[in-house]
Amino acid sequence: MTLQQLKYLVTVADCGNITEAAERLFISQPSLSLAIHNLETEMGVTAFSRTNKGVRITREGEELLSYARQLLEQADIMQEHFGKITDRQPKFSVSCQHYSFAVNAFVELVKQFDADSYDFILRETQTGEIIEDVAQGLSEIGVIYLSEHNEEFLTKLIRRNGLVFTELYKADPHVFISSVHPLAAKDVIELDDLKAYPYLTYEQGNHNSFYFSEEFLSTLDMPKNIQVRDRATLFNLVIGLNGFTVSSGVIDRDLNSEQIIAKPLKMDVSMHIGTVIQKNILLSRYAEQYRENLKNCLNAAEK
């Protein structure tokens, strides 16, 4: 097995077509097919099934692809770390829950590593997909939270996927409401205060259980419930329907409307915000800086 074979594997998977992948790699189609065949034979797997329209990655091929991405990324990071690559194009990907501070940290990262060309990816997505993205090497870092309600389940899932969680910030529960909401004048909001208003949560797809929820109140029975997929829609409904959601209380005024405010929620639970990464890997300098930016954004919220 060589790094070149792994690069071939990843390129074929990305293209879904041997001919297109060969053109992208500047090699002949027979040479590429032979290299993939030799890798499959050595690993004892069938990475792709051939179809009339191209190739489709198999279940065992997906697992092999995950390892290939990890090894290629680690090889690049090692070369950069030891000075063998001096002009590497900035490249970084993060998957996160719907946090404005995670976006703000990403904005700062792009500014810090601005270049003539770069390849950065920010995925605001579902909790289960964050863990899958990091496990499969699609994202270098994931940003999630653990609490008394989900910690045991998610910690087992994180470990089973070969990941580790590092806490960055401990938050008390808050509600996000509009600045003109009937409860906006209250210093502290109680659960009974909220039952008259729509409860807005992020839909979690196939993982739509309370263990994967981004909100503290997922285990409680609220009479009015609306699920959404993105943060902009949620905030529009907070304003338009006098709705509310429950989160850390960390909100960035530069990236969100001043019409959204955070109020403490009287509830005996803590939110432990942190990152998930693959176990025993070197982080790129972009990932290290992003994690530092996260800390700075979260710590600034205390001031």
Protein backbone atom coordinates (compact mmCIF):
# COMPACT_ATOMS: atom_id res chain seq x y z
CA MET A 1 0.00 0.00 0.00
CA THR A 2 1.30 3.45 -0.92
CA LEU A 3 0.11 6.99 -0.37
CA GLN A 4 -0.28 7.27 -4.12
CA GLN A 5 -2.70 4.33 -4.16
CA LEU A 6 -4.69 5.96 -1.38
CA LYS A 7 -4.82 9.22 -3.36
CA TYR A 8 -6.11 7.26 -6.34
CA LEU A 9 -8.78 5.64 -4.16
CA VAL A 10 -10.00 8.99 -2.83
CA THR A 11 -10.06 10.57 -6.29
CA VAL A 12 -12.09 7.73 -7.78
CA ALA A 13 -14.55 7.94 -4.89
CA ASP A 14 -14.89 11.70 -5.35
CA CYS A 15 -15.40 11.43 -9.12
CA GLY A 16 -17.53 8.29 -9.14
CA ASN A 17 -15.99 7.49 -12.51
CA ILE A 18 -12.66 5.85 -13.43
CA THR A 19 -12.23 7.83 -16.66
CA GLU A 20 -12.82 11.20 -15.01
CA ALA A 21 -10.54 10.27 -12.09
CA ALA A 22 -7.76 9.22 -14.50
CA GLU A 23 -8.00 12.56 -16.30
CA ARG A 24 -7.83 14.44 -13.02
CA LEU A 25 -4.79 12.40 -11.92
CA PHE A 26 -3.08 12.65 -15.36
CA ILE A 27 -2.64 8.89 -15.70
CA SER A 28 -4.12 6.32 -18.05
CA GLN A 29 -7.39 4.60 -17.18
CA PRO A 30 -5.82 1.08 -17.29
CA SER A 31 -3.05 2.21 -14.90
CA LEU A 32 -5.58 3.65 -12.47
CA SER A 33 -7.79 0.56 -12.63
CA LEU A 34 -4.76 -1.67 -11.96
CA ALA A 35 -3.65 0.45 -8.99
CA ILE A 36 -7.13 0.28 -7.44
CA HIS A 37 -7.32 -3.46 -8.10
CA ASN A 38 -3.93 -4.02 -6.43
CA LEU A 39 -5.01 -2.00 -3.40
CA GLU A 40 -8.27 -3.95 -3.14
CA THR A 41 -6.36 -7.23 -3.35
CA GLU A 42 -3.85 -6.18 -0.71
CA MET A 43 -6.56 -4.97 1.68
CA GLY A 44 -8.86 -7.90 0.94
CA VAL A 45 -11.83 -5.72 0.09
CA THR A 46 -13.89 -4.71 -2.91
CA ALA A 47 -13.87 -0.93 -2.69
CA PHE A 48 -16.09 -0.22 -5.69
CA SER A 49 -18.89 -1.89 -7.55
CA ARG A 50 -18.84 -1.20 -11.27
CA THR A 51 -21.99 0.09 -12.99
CA ASN A 52 -22.89 1.34 -16.46
CA LYS A 53 -22.70 4.90 -15.13
CA GLY A 54 -19.35 4.54 -13.37
CA VAL A 55 -18.42 3.13 -9.98
CA ARG A 56 -20.18 3.09 -6.64
CA ILE A 57 -18.34 2.74 -3.36
CA THR A 58 -19.24 -0.33 -1.30
CA ARG A 59 -19.82 -0.47 2.44
CA GLU A 60 -16.34 -1.90 3.08
CA GLY A 61 -14.99 0.61 0.56
CA GLU A 62 -16.40 3.45 2.66
CA GLU A 63 -14.45 2.17 5.65
CA LEU A 64 -11.27 1.91 3.58
CA LEU A 65 -11.89 5.40 2.18
CA SER A 66 -12.19 6.79 5.70
CA TYR A 67 -8.77 5.44 6.63
CA ALA A 68 -7.30 6.64 3.32
CA ARG A 69 -8.47 10.21 3.93
CA GLN A 70 -7.04 10.14 7.44
CA LEU A 71 -3.65 8.84 6.32
CA LEU A 72 -3.34 11.31 3.46
CA GLU A 73 -4.25 14.22 5.71
CA GLN A 74 -1.80 13.07 8.37
CA ALA A 75 0.96 12.74 5.76
CA ASP A 76 0.35 16.35 4.65
CA ILE A 77 0.32 17.59 8.24
CA MET A 78 3.58 15.78 9.03
CA GLN A 79 5.30 17.21 5.96
CA GLU A 80 4.09 20.69 6.82
CA HIS A 81 5.08 20.31 10.48
CA PHE A 82 8.63 19.23 9.63
CA GLY A 83 9.11 21.90 6.98
CA LYS A 84 8.82 19.80 3.84
CA ILE A 85 5.85 21.77 2.56
CA THR A 86 6.25 25.55 2.63
CA ASP A 87 3.54 26.60 0.22
CA ARG A 88 0.69 24.26 1.13
CA GLN A 89 -2.75 25.62 0.27
CA PRO A 90 -4.69 26.29 3.48
CA LYS A 91 -7.19 23.45 3.88
CA PHE A 92 -9.50 22.80 6.80
CA SER A 93 -12.98 21.43 7.47
CA VAL A 94 -15.13 21.62 10.62
CA SER A 95 -18.57 20.19 11.41
CA CYS A 96 -20.53 21.83 14.20
CA GLN A 97 -23.88 22.22 15.84
CA HIS A 98 -25.72 25.47 15.14
CA TYR A 99 -23.54 27.88 17.13
CA SER A 100 -22.82 31.48 16.17
CA PHE A 101 -19.53 31.34 18.11
CA ALA A 102 -18.40 28.41 15.95
CA VAL A 103 -19.08 30.51 12.86
CA ASN A 104 -17.27 33.49 14.38
CA ALA A 105 -14.23 31.33 15.14
CA PHE A 106 -14.31 30.16 11.52
CA VAL A 107 -14.48 33.74 10.24
CA GLU A 108 -11.40 34.60 12.28
CA LEU A 109 -9.59 31.54 10.92
CA VAL A 110 -10.20 32.55 7.31
CA LYS A 111 -8.90 36.04 8.06
CA GLN A 112 -5.83 34.66 9.83
CA PHE A 113 -4.88 32.35 6.96
CA ASP A 114 -6.03 34.48 4.06
CA ALA A 115 -4.15 33.52 0.89
CA ASP A 116 -4.45 33.65 -2.89
CA SER A 117 -6.22 30.29 -2.66
CA TYR A 118 -7.59 28.16 0.15
CA ASP A 119 -10.08 25.35 0.70
CA PHE A 120 -12.12 25.78 3.90
CA ILE A 121 -15.38 24.02 4.75
CA LEU A 122 -17.86 24.84 7.53
CA ARG A 123 -20.71 22.38 8.06
CA GLU A 124 -23.51 23.35 10.44
CA THR A 125 -25.21 20.00 10.66
CA GLN A 126 -26.89 17.39 12.82
CA THR A 127 -25.18 15.92 15.88
CA GLY A 128 -24.92 12.39 14.49
CA GLU A 129 -23.44 13.66 11.23
CA ILE A 130 -20.80 15.67 13.12
CA ILE A 131 -19.50 12.49 14.75
CA GLU A 132 -19.65 10.63 11.43
CA ASP A 133 -17.86 13.46 9.57
CA VAL A 134 -14.93 13.44 12.00
CA ALA A 135 -14.77 9.64 12.16
CA GLN A 136 -14.68 9.41 8.36
CA GLY A 137 -12.11 12.17 7.96
CA LEU A 138 -14.49 14.56 6.21
CA SER A 139 -13.93 17.11 8.99
CA GLU A 140 -10.84 17.53 11.15
CA ILE A 141 -12.82 18.88 14.11
CA GLY A 142 -16.38 18.58 15.35
CA VAL A 143 -18.05 20.98 17.78
CA ILE A 144 -20.78 19.56 20.05
CA TYR A 145 -21.95 19.70 23.65
CA LEU A 146 -22.43 17.12 26.37
CA SER A 147 -24.84 17.37 29.30
CA GLU A 148 -26.19 15.22 32.08
CA HIS A 149 -28.87 13.96 29.68
CA ASN A 150 -26.72 12.84 26.73
CA GLU A 151 -23.19 12.41 28.10
CA GLU A 152 -23.23 8.66 28.75
CA PHE A 153 -24.72 7.81 25.36
CA LEU A 154 -22.66 10.24 23.25
CA THR A 155 -19.41 9.45 25.07
CA LYS A 156 -19.83 5.77 24.18
CA LEU A 157 -20.59 6.70 20.56
CA ILE A 158 -17.57 9.01 20.40
CA ARG A 159 -15.25 6.32 21.75
CA ARG A 160 -16.72 3.65 19.48
CA ASN A 161 -15.83 5.85 16.49
CA GLY A 162 -12.23 6.28 17.66
CA LEU A 163 -12.72 9.91 18.71
CA VAL A 164 -11.99 11.95 21.82
CA PHE A 165 -13.96 14.85 23.31
CA THR A 166 -12.21 17.86 24.86
CA GLU A 167 -14.25 20.34 26.87
CA LEU A 168 -13.68 24.03 26.13
CA TYR A 169 -16.48 25.78 28.00
CA LYS A 170 -19.14 25.11 30.61
CA ALA A 171 -22.39 27.03 30.15
CA ASP A 172 -25.59 27.43 32.09
CA PRO A 173 -28.84 27.08 30.13
CA HIS A 174 -30.32 30.15 28.46
CA VAL A 175 -33.25 30.81 26.18
CA PHE A 176 -32.94 32.74 22.94
CA ILE A 177 -35.97 35.00 22.41
CA SER A 178 -36.68 38.22 20.53
CA SER A 179 -35.96 41.56 22.15
CA VAL A 180 -39.71 42.34 22.07
CA HIS A 181 -40.85 38.97 23.41
CA PRO A 182 -43.35 39.18 26.31
CA LEU A 183 -40.71 37.56 28.54
CA ALA A 184 -37.87 39.87 27.48
CA ALA A 185 -38.10 42.00 30.62
CA LYS A 186 -37.62 39.04 33.00
CA ASP A 187 -34.19 38.58 34.57
CA VAL A 188 -34.59 34.81 34.80
CA ILE A 189 -37.08 32.68 32.87
CA GLU A 190 -38.72 29.57 34.31
CA LEU A 191 -40.03 26.55 32.40
CA ASP A 192 -43.67 27.33 33.13
CA ASP A 193 -43.18 30.77 31.56
CA LEU A 194 -42.37 29.17 28.21
CA LYS A 195 -45.30 26.80 27.71
CA ALA A 196 -47.43 29.41 25.95
CA TYR A 197 -44.85 29.91 23.19
CA PRO A 198 -43.52 27.80 20.27
CA TYR A 199 -40.47 25.72 21.18
CA LEU A 200 -37.98 25.72 18.30
CA THR A 201 -35.52 22.84 17.91
CA TYR A 202 -33.13 21.54 15.27
CA GLU A 203 -34.33 18.46 13.42
CA GLN A 204 -31.86 15.56 13.69
CA GLY A 205 -32.89 13.36 10.77
CA ASN A 206 -32.36 9.65 11.28
CA HIS A 207 -30.85 10.40 14.70
CA ASN A 208 -33.92 12.24 15.94
CA SER A 209 -33.75 11.10 19.57
CA PHE A 210 -33.19 13.27 22.63
CA TYR A 211 -29.60 11.99 22.91
CA PHE A 212 -28.71 13.87 19.70
CA SER A 213 -30.74 16.99 20.46
CA GLU A 214 -29.00 20.36 20.52
CA GLU A 215 -31.44 21.66 23.14
CA PHE A 216 -31.68 21.06 26.89
CA LEU A 217 -35.46 20.68 26.91
CA SER A 218 -35.58 17.70 24.57
CA THR A 219 -36.71 15.41 27.41
CA LEU A 220 -39.57 17.68 28.45
CA ASP A 221 -43.08 17.78 27.04
CA MET A 222 -43.70 21.21 25.55
CA PRO A 223 -47.14 21.78 23.98
CA LYS A 224 -45.99 23.78 20.94
CA ASN A 225 -43.06 22.37 18.96
CA ILE A 226 -41.46 23.36 15.64
CA GLN A 227 -38.40 21.66 14.15
CA VAL A 228 -36.09 23.42 11.67
CA ARG A 229 -32.89 22.62 9.82
CA ASP A 230 -30.93 25.90 9.84
CA ARG A 231 -30.10 28.71 12.22
CA ALA A 232 -31.44 31.54 10.05
CA THR A 233 -34.88 29.93 9.89
CA LEU A 234 -34.89 29.33 13.63
CA PHE A 235 -34.06 32.96 14.39
CA ASN A 236 -36.73 34.17 11.94
CA LEU A 237 -39.29 32.10 13.82
CA VAL A 238 -38.01 33.37 17.16
CA ILE A 239 -38.80 36.88 15.94
CA GLY A 240 -41.91 36.18 13.88
CA LEU A 241 -43.72 33.79 16.23
CA ASN A 242 -42.42 34.83 19.64
CA GLY A 243 -40.79 31.42 19.69
CA PHE A 244 -37.83 30.35 21.81
CA THR A 245 -34.98 27.91 21.79
CA VAL A 246 -32.62 26.74 24.51
CA SER A 247 -28.85 26.91 24.25
CA SER A 248 -25.64 28.18 25.87
CA GLY A 249 -26.50 31.87 25.85
CA VAL A 250 -23.36 32.62 23.83
CA ILE A 251 -24.43 34.82 20.93
CA ASP A 252 -22.39 36.99 18.59
CA ARG A 253 -23.87 40.42 17.88
CA ASP A 254 -21.77 40.84 14.73
CA LEU A 255 -23.20 37.72 13.11
CA ASN A 256 -26.74 37.72 14.50
CA SER A 257 -29.53 40.23 14.67
CA GLU A 258 -29.74 42.50 17.72
CA GLN A 259 -33.37 41.41 17.85
CA ILE A 260 -32.21 38.10 19.38
CA ILE A 261 -31.35 38.14 23.09
CA ALA A 262 -30.33 35.50 25.63
CA LYS A 263 -31.98 35.12 29.03
CA PRO A 264 -30.94 32.74 31.86
CA LEU A 265 -33.20 29.71 32.25
CA LYS A 266 -33.88 28.37 35.72
CA MET A 267 -32.90 24.75 35.16
CA ASP A 268 -30.51 22.43 36.99
CA VAL A 269 -28.33 21.27 34.10
CA SER A 270 -24.98 22.23 32.56
CA MET A 271 -23.81 22.41 28.97
CA HIS A 272 -20.23 21.26 28.30
CA ILE A 273 -19.17 22.60 24.91
CA GLY A 274 -16.12 21.05 23.29
CA THR A 275 -14.47 19.49 20.28
CA VAL A 276 -14.26 15.96 18.97
CA ILE A 277 -11.25 14.82 16.98
CA GLN A 278 -9.80 11.51 15.93
CA LYS A 279 -7.76 9.79 18.61
CA ASN A 280 -3.94 9.93 18.42
CA ILE A 281 -3.63 12.26 15.43
CA LEU A 282 -1.69 15.40 14.66
CA LEU A 283 -3.92 18.41 14.13
CA SER A 284 -3.11 20.78 11.30
CA ARG A 285 -2.12 24.31 12.24
CA TYR A 286 -5.52 25.42 10.92
CA ALA A 287 -7.33 23.05 13.28
CA GLU A 288 -5.16 24.14 16.20
CA GLN A 289 -5.86 27.80 15.44
CA TYR A 290 -9.58 27.16 15.02
CA ARG A 291 -9.74 25.49 18.42
CA GLU A 292 -7.90 28.47 19.92
CA ASN A 293 -10.38 30.81 18.21
CA LEU A 294 -13.24 28.83 19.74
CA LYS A 295 -11.76 29.28 23.21
CA ASN A 296 -11.39 33.00 22.65
CA CYS A 297 -14.98 33.39 21.40
CA LEU A 298 -16.38 31.41 24.32
CA ASN A 299 -14.27 33.15 26.94
CA ALA A 300 -15.22 36.54 25.53
CA ALA A 301 -18.86 35.67 26.25
CA GLU A 302 -18.11 35.72 29.98
CA LYS A 303 -16.95 39.33 29.90
